Amino acid sequence: MKSDLPNILGAAIRDYFTDHLPRLRGTSPHTIHSYRDSIVLLLRFLSQQRNKAVTALDLTDLDPPGILAFLSHLEKERNNGVSTRNVRLSAIHAFFHFMAARNPEHLDLAQRVLGIPFKRAQQRAIDYLEYDEIDAILKAINRATPQGSRDYALLATMFNTGGRVQEIADLRACDLQLVKPFQVRLFGKGRKERYCPLWPQTAAVLKEFCCQRNLDLRSESHVFLNHRGHPRSRFGIRHILARCLSLACDRAPNLRKKRLHPHSVRHSTAVALLKSGVDLSTISHLLGHASLTTTNRYAKVDLEMKRQAIAKVKPVARRSRTPWSIKNRTILEWLESL
């Protein structure tokens, strides 16, 4: 896709990604890349569907029928889930919000595109790790090797902070405070800054790991690197977790039954805090949730556990004050007599 498309669409895309998102909105590079990927996929699909070169597409080609066909293509041919489909639509909506303000003569088209609804996604049960499973994962790591030392420090930090995987990947040495009070600074969605306390054990692990790397805690260097010396990516962290889960399955066989990924570690931290009696508001601030509604789903997990526990208890038999007899009475009369 050329950056100098000779039409409204090309100029709008250039302004949107080079000026509006980074300069005016202060959008994070991660979000910009996500929006870019969505627009690129849409343009490639419409180019093929309309039998036009990408450079020949104009704004009017991004109409609701074409966008709906693109969303259907994502689910049926690319095998994307509903969540991914909604992420792509969110990026398209964001672009048309910009277009409505930039080119008001196309407001009608923008409103019709913005009217395309998100699809309701099936709510899966939250998979998380119990304390003994977390312990099994950490014990399965060979800390005597440089790789094992890094993996242990990385997962221990994730379990402690409940940080998003990208927040951990972006962690820099200057974000660590390894003297009392132990804490780490994380940058969440929208570059929102928050501090998370560290357990003394986690601080000791990180201090040892930083010493092994000769890492200056005042520097901007990334804490967790790959074997090429580059910052760890989200996919690299997913690979580390998968490998450690595989090693821990002998100690904790239940791990084989769970659908686990890096975000499951964040869920595990939240549920552990909830079980320890920490209130939802505090958990919300610790995890960097924008709304308490997001945190409330963990309360549902805990309530289901309580229901399961109650279901195992045999109820005490209780005799009704009125015997079950409806002789010479209607069922309504009997119910009213209870």
Protein backbone atom coordinates (compact mmCIF):
# COMPACT_ATOMS: atom_id res chain seq x y z
CA MET A 1 0.00 0.00 0.00
CA LYS A 2 1.50 3.33 -1.10
CA SER A 3 1.51 6.23 1.30
CA ASP A 4 0.66 8.81 -1.41
CA LEU A 5 -2.69 7.56 -2.70
CA PRO A 6 -4.06 10.39 -4.96
CA ASN A 7 -7.52 10.57 -3.35
CA ILE A 8 -9.35 11.43 -0.12
CA LEU A 9 -8.74 7.98 1.37
CA GLY A 10 -4.97 8.05 0.87
CA ALA A 11 -4.57 11.53 2.33
CA ALA A 12 -6.84 10.68 5.26
CA ILE A 13 -4.91 7.49 6.11
CA ARG A 14 -1.62 9.39 5.99
CA ASP A 15 -2.91 12.16 8.28
CA TYR A 16 -4.55 9.66 10.63
CA PHE A 17 -1.45 7.55 11.25
CA THR A 18 1.26 10.21 11.07
CA ASP A 19 -0.42 13.10 12.85
CA HIS A 20 -3.80 12.42 14.46
CA LEU A 21 -3.01 9.24 16.44
CA PRO A 22 0.59 9.89 17.58
CA ARG A 23 0.57 13.68 17.95
CA LEU A 24 -2.98 14.76 18.74
CA ARG A 25 -4.27 11.68 20.55
CA GLY A 26 -0.94 10.49 22.03
CA THR A 27 -1.88 6.91 21.11
CA SER A 28 0.63 4.24 22.09
CA PRO A 29 2.72 2.59 19.33
CA HIS A 30 1.12 -0.76 20.17
CA THR A 31 -2.39 0.61 19.50
CA ILE A 32 -1.24 2.37 16.33
CA HIS A 33 0.20 -0.91 15.01
CA SER A 34 -3.05 -2.71 15.83
CA TYR A 35 -5.12 -0.07 13.99
CA ARG A 36 -2.68 -0.17 11.07
CA ASP A 37 -2.98 -3.94 10.73
CA SER A 38 -6.79 -3.71 10.70
CA ILE A 39 -6.84 -1.03 7.99
CA VAL A 40 -4.28 -2.92 5.89
CA LEU A 41 -6.37 -6.11 6.05
CA LEU A 42 -9.51 -4.16 5.11
CA LEU A 43 -7.85 -2.46 2.13
CA ARG A 44 -6.40 -5.72 0.83
CA PHE A 45 -9.78 -7.43 1.11
CA LEU A 46 -11.66 -4.62 -0.65
CA SER A 47 -9.00 -4.45 -3.35
CA GLN A 48 -9.56 -8.11 -4.14
CA GLN A 49 -13.35 -7.95 -3.82
CA ARG A 50 -13.76 -4.85 -5.98
CA ASN A 51 -11.06 -5.97 -8.43
CA LYS A 52 -9.21 -2.69 -7.93
CA ALA A 53 -5.64 -1.87 -7.05
CA VAL A 54 -5.26 -0.63 -3.49
CA THR A 55 -4.12 2.70 -4.92
CA ALA A 56 -7.44 3.01 -6.78
CA LEU A 57 -9.62 2.58 -3.70
CA ASP A 58 -11.34 5.68 -2.38
CA LEU A 59 -13.31 6.44 0.75
CA THR A 60 -16.62 5.48 -0.88
CA ASP A 61 -15.29 1.94 -1.34
CA LEU A 62 -15.27 1.58 2.46
CA ASP A 63 -19.05 1.31 2.62
CA PRO A 64 -21.08 -0.78 5.12
CA PRO A 65 -21.68 -3.72 2.70
CA GLY A 66 -17.95 -3.97 2.00
CA ILE A 67 -17.02 -3.72 5.68
CA LEU A 68 -19.63 -6.32 6.65
CA ALA A 69 -18.26 -8.64 3.96
CA PHE A 70 -14.77 -8.07 5.40
CA LEU A 71 -15.91 -8.94 8.93
CA SER A 72 -17.57 -12.11 7.63
CA HIS A 73 -14.35 -12.96 5.78
CA LEU A 74 -12.38 -12.66 9.02
CA GLU A 75 -14.59 -15.19 10.79
CA LYS A 76 -15.25 -17.66 7.98
CA GLU A 77 -12.01 -17.69 5.99
CA ARG A 78 -9.36 -16.44 8.39
CA ASN A 79 -10.97 -18.37 11.28
CA ASN A 80 -10.81 -15.36 13.59
CA GLY A 81 -12.89 -15.41 16.75
CA VAL A 82 -15.61 -12.90 17.60
CA SER A 83 -13.21 -10.95 19.84
CA THR A 84 -10.72 -10.46 16.99
CA ARG A 85 -13.56 -9.49 14.66
CA ASN A 86 -14.67 -6.85 17.16
CA VAL A 87 -11.11 -5.52 17.55
CA ARG A 88 -10.91 -4.99 13.76
CA LEU A 89 -14.30 -3.26 13.74
CA SER A 90 -13.21 -1.04 16.63
CA ALA A 91 -10.23 0.13 14.57
CA ILE A 92 -12.51 0.87 11.59
CA HIS A 93 -14.90 2.80 13.84
CA ALA A 94 -12.00 4.86 15.21
CA PHE A 95 -10.89 5.77 11.69
CA PHE A 96 -14.42 6.85 10.69
CA HIS A 97 -14.77 8.98 13.83
CA PHE A 98 -11.70 10.80 12.52
CA MET A 99 -13.13 10.98 8.99
CA ALA A 100 -16.41 12.47 10.22
CA ALA A 101 -14.51 15.42 11.70
CA ARG A 102 -11.94 15.72 8.90
CA ASN A 103 -14.32 15.41 5.95
CA PRO A 104 -17.83 16.35 7.14
CA GLU A 105 -19.13 16.07 3.57
CA HIS A 106 -18.85 12.29 4.12
CA LEU A 107 -20.68 12.38 7.45
CA ASP A 108 -23.52 10.22 6.11
CA LEU A 109 -21.10 7.43 5.15
CA ALA A 110 -19.29 7.73 8.50
CA GLN A 111 -22.55 7.45 10.44
CA ARG A 112 -23.61 4.34 8.51
CA VAL A 113 -20.25 2.68 9.17
CA LEU A 114 -20.36 3.65 12.84
CA GLY A 115 -23.77 2.03 12.99
CA ILE A 116 -22.29 -1.42 12.29
CA PRO A 117 -22.70 -3.20 15.64
CA PHE A 118 -20.21 -5.27 17.55
CA LYS A 119 -21.05 -8.95 17.78
CA ARG A 120 -21.79 -10.41 21.17
CA ALA A 121 -18.96 -12.78 22.11
CA GLN A 122 -19.49 -15.93 24.12
CA GLN A 123 -18.17 -15.42 27.62
CA ARG A 124 -15.71 -18.17 28.42
CA ALA A 125 -15.03 -19.24 31.96
CA ILE A 126 -11.89 -17.59 33.32
CA ASP A 127 -8.97 -20.01 33.46
CA TYR A 128 -6.53 -19.21 36.22
CA LEU A 129 -3.83 -20.89 38.28
CA GLU A 130 -4.23 -22.02 41.86
CA TYR A 131 -1.42 -21.30 44.32
CA ASP A 132 -0.05 -24.86 44.19
CA GLU A 133 -0.02 -24.71 40.38
CA ILE A 134 1.91 -21.43 40.40
CA ASP A 135 4.34 -22.99 42.86
CA ALA A 136 4.74 -26.05 40.61
CA ILE A 137 5.50 -23.85 37.58
CA LEU A 138 8.17 -21.85 39.40
CA LYS A 139 9.76 -24.97 40.94
CA ALA A 140 10.00 -26.60 37.50
CA ILE A 141 12.35 -23.87 36.26
CA ASN A 142 16.09 -24.58 36.45
CA ARG A 143 17.38 -21.33 37.92
CA ALA A 144 21.00 -22.44 37.59
CA THR A 145 21.00 -21.50 33.89
CA PRO A 146 20.85 -17.94 32.50
CA GLN A 147 17.63 -18.81 30.66
CA GLY A 148 16.08 -20.33 33.75
CA SER A 149 17.08 -17.35 35.88
CA ARG A 150 15.42 -14.98 33.40
CA ASP A 151 12.28 -17.12 33.07
CA TYR A 152 11.90 -17.38 36.85
CA ALA A 153 12.31 -13.62 37.34
CA LEU A 154 9.87 -12.87 34.53
CA LEU A 155 7.10 -15.22 35.72
CA ALA A 156 7.58 -14.26 39.38
CA THR A 157 7.12 -10.60 38.39
CA MET A 158 4.00 -11.44 36.39
CA PHE A 159 2.46 -13.45 39.25
CA ASN A 160 3.29 -10.70 41.76
CA THR A 161 2.03 -7.68 39.81
CA GLY A 162 -0.71 -9.17 37.63
CA GLY A 163 0.71 -6.99 34.87
CA ARG A 164 -0.42 -7.25 31.27
CA VAL A 165 2.03 -9.13 29.10
CA GLN A 166 2.94 -5.97 27.14
CA GLU A 167 3.54 -4.09 30.40
CA ILE A 168 6.04 -6.75 31.46
CA ALA A 169 7.68 -6.78 28.01
CA ASP A 170 8.10 -2.98 28.20
CA LEU A 171 9.56 -3.04 31.73
CA ARG A 172 12.80 -1.03 32.04
CA ALA A 173 15.46 -1.09 34.72
CA CYS A 174 14.55 2.42 35.93
CA ASP A 175 10.99 1.19 36.60
CA LEU A 176 12.23 -1.12 39.36
CA GLN A 177 12.63 0.00 42.97
CA LEU A 178 14.44 -2.85 44.70
CA VAL A 179 15.00 -1.11 48.04
CA LYS A 180 12.21 -0.65 50.56
CA PRO A 181 9.46 0.03 49.78
CA PHE A 182 9.79 -2.54 46.98
CA GLN A 183 7.72 -1.59 43.96
CA VAL A 184 7.59 -1.52 40.17
CA ARG A 185 6.25 1.11 37.81
CA LEU A 186 4.05 -0.14 34.97
CA PHE A 187 2.66 1.69 31.96
CA GLY A 188 -0.74 0.35 30.96
CA LYS A 189 -3.24 1.13 28.22
CA GLY A 190 -3.10 4.74 27.13
CA ARG A 191 0.33 5.00 28.80
CA LYS A 192 -1.39 5.23 32.17
CA GLU A 193 1.24 4.96 34.87
CA ARG A 194 0.74 2.95 38.06
CA TYR A 195 2.89 1.48 40.82
CA CYS A 196 2.60 -2.09 42.08
CA PRO A 197 4.19 -3.25 45.33
CA LEU A 198 6.61 -6.17 45.18
CA TRP A 199 6.89 -8.95 47.71
CA PRO A 200 10.35 -9.09 49.33
CA GLN A 201 10.89 -12.50 47.67
CA THR A 202 10.14 -11.07 44.21
CA ALA A 203 12.38 -8.06 44.86
CA ALA A 204 15.22 -10.42 45.88
CA VAL A 205 14.74 -12.49 42.69
CA LEU A 206 14.80 -9.37 40.52
CA LYS A 207 17.82 -7.96 42.34
CA GLU A 208 19.75 -11.19 41.77
CA PHE A 209 18.72 -11.29 38.11
CA CYS A 210 19.74 -7.64 37.54
CA CYS A 211 23.12 -8.33 39.18
CA GLN A 212 23.65 -11.27 36.83
CA ARG A 213 22.97 -8.99 33.88
CA ASN A 214 25.04 -6.11 35.34
CA LEU A 215 21.95 -3.99 34.83
CA ASP A 216 22.10 -0.36 36.00
CA LEU A 217 18.79 0.28 37.77
CA ARG A 218 18.93 3.92 36.66
CA SER A 219 19.11 3.04 32.98
CA GLU A 220 16.41 2.83 30.31
CA SER A 221 17.48 -0.71 29.38
CA HIS A 222 14.74 -3.33 29.08
CA VAL A 223 14.79 -5.86 31.90
CA PHE A 224 13.80 -8.96 29.94
CA LEU A 225 15.62 -9.67 26.67
CA ASN A 226 15.60 -12.52 24.18
CA HIS A 227 18.68 -14.50 23.08
CA ARG A 228 19.48 -11.82 20.47
CA GLY A 229 19.59 -9.10 23.10
CA HIS A 230 16.32 -7.51 21.96
CA PRO A 231 13.36 -6.74 24.25
CA ARG A 232 11.07 -9.71 24.80
CA SER A 233 7.88 -9.59 22.74
CA ARG A 234 4.42 -10.66 23.85
CA PHE A 235 4.81 -13.79 21.75
CA GLY A 236 8.18 -14.53 23.33
CA ILE A 237 6.62 -14.35 26.81
CA ARG A 238 3.81 -16.64 25.65
CA HIS A 239 6.46 -19.13 24.50
CA ILE A 240 8.24 -18.98 27.88
CA LEU A 241 5.00 -19.61 29.78
CA ALA A 242 4.07 -22.53 27.49
CA ARG A 243 7.47 -24.13 28.02
CA CYS A 244 7.31 -23.74 31.80
CA LEU A 245 3.74 -25.09 31.87
CA SER A 246 4.92 -28.17 29.99
CA LEU A 247 7.69 -28.73 32.54
CA ALA A 248 5.27 -28.36 35.45
CA CYS A 249 2.60 -30.79 34.22
CA ASP A 250 4.19 -33.75 36.04
CA ARG A 251 3.97 -31.89 39.36
CA ALA A 252 0.48 -30.48 38.67
CA PRO A 253 -1.44 -32.73 36.21
CA ASN A 254 -4.49 -30.41 36.29
CA LEU A 255 -2.54 -27.93 34.19
CA ARG A 256 -3.16 -30.13 31.14
CA LYS A 257 -6.91 -29.50 31.41
CA LYS A 258 -6.68 -25.70 31.38
CA ARG A 259 -6.52 -23.26 28.48
CA LEU A 260 -3.71 -21.05 29.76
CA HIS A 261 -1.99 -18.05 28.21
CA PRO A 262 -0.10 -15.03 29.59
CA HIS A 263 -3.32 -13.21 30.50
CA SER A 264 -4.24 -16.22 32.68
CA VAL A 265 -1.39 -15.16 34.97
CA ARG A 266 -3.13 -11.79 35.42
CA HIS A 267 -6.38 -13.61 36.22
CA SER A 268 -4.51 -15.77 38.73
CA THR A 269 -3.20 -12.72 40.59
CA ALA A 270 -6.68 -11.17 40.73
CA VAL A 271 -8.36 -14.33 42.02
CA ALA A 272 -5.61 -14.89 44.61
CA LEU A 273 -6.10 -11.33 45.91
CA LEU A 274 -9.86 -11.80 46.02
CA LYS A 275 -9.54 -15.04 47.98
CA SER A 276 -7.23 -13.26 50.42
CA GLY A 277 -9.98 -10.76 51.22
CA VAL A 278 -8.72 -7.80 49.17
CA ASP A 279 -11.64 -5.60 48.05
CA LEU A 280 -12.49 -5.24 44.36
CA SER A 281 -11.65 -1.52 44.25
CA THR A 282 -8.07 -2.18 45.40
CA ILE A 283 -7.69 -5.05 42.91
CA SER A 284 -8.99 -2.76 40.15
CA HIS A 285 -6.34 -0.12 40.93
CA LEU A 286 -3.59 -2.73 41.18
CA LEU A 287 -4.45 -4.23 37.79
CA GLY A 288 -4.95 -0.85 36.13
CA HIS A 289 -8.56 -1.44 35.11
CA ALA A 290 -10.32 1.59 33.66
CA SER A 291 -13.61 0.48 35.17
CA LEU A 292 -14.61 -1.51 38.24
CA THR A 293 -17.00 -3.44 35.97
CA THR A 294 -14.00 -5.24 34.47
CA THR A 295 -12.88 -6.35 37.92
CA ASN A 296 -16.34 -7.57 38.94
CA ARG A 297 -16.01 -10.71 36.80
CA TYR A 298 -13.52 -12.05 39.33
CA ALA A 299 -16.19 -11.80 42.01
CA LYS A 300 -18.29 -14.13 39.86
CA VAL A 301 -15.47 -16.69 39.91
CA ASP A 302 -15.37 -16.56 43.70
CA LEU A 303 -19.15 -16.82 44.04
CA GLU A 304 -19.20 -19.93 41.88
CA MET A 305 -16.63 -21.51 44.18
CA LYS A 306 -18.86 -20.72 47.14
CA ARG A 307 -21.85 -22.30 45.41
CA GLN A 308 -19.83 -25.45 44.68
CA ALA A 309 -18.79 -25.63 48.32
CA ILE A 310 -22.35 -25.17 49.57
CA ALA A 311 -23.63 -27.81 47.13
CA LYS A 312 -21.34 -30.39 48.76
CA VAL A 313 -22.92 -29.80 52.18
CA LYS A 314 -25.95 -32.02 52.92
CA PRO A 315 -28.84 -29.74 53.88
CA VAL A 316 -30.48 -30.25 57.26
CA ALA A 317 -33.86 -31.92 56.93
CA ARG A 318 -36.71 -29.66 57.91
CA ARG A 319 -40.28 -30.76 58.39
CA SER A 320 -42.97 -28.46 57.16
CA ARG A 321 -45.34 -27.18 59.77
CA THR A 322 -48.16 -28.23 57.48
CA PRO A 323 -48.22 -31.81 56.19
CA TRP A 324 -48.32 -32.42 52.44
CA SER A 325 -52.00 -33.11 51.99
CA ILE A 326 -54.42 -31.48 49.60
CA LYS A 327 -57.36 -33.69 50.42
CA ASN A 328 -60.55 -31.67 50.08
CA ARG A 329 -58.51 -28.54 49.22
CA THR A 330 -57.18 -26.96 46.05
CA ILE A 331 -53.44 -26.58 45.59
CA LEU A 332 -53.80 -22.79 45.98
CA GLU A 333 -55.58 -23.23 49.32
CA TRP A 334 -52.84 -25.54 50.49
CA LEU A 335 -50.11 -23.09 49.42
CA GLU A 336 -51.83 -20.21 51.24
CA SER A 337 -51.99 -22.32 54.41
CA LEU A 338 -48.22 -22.79 54.59
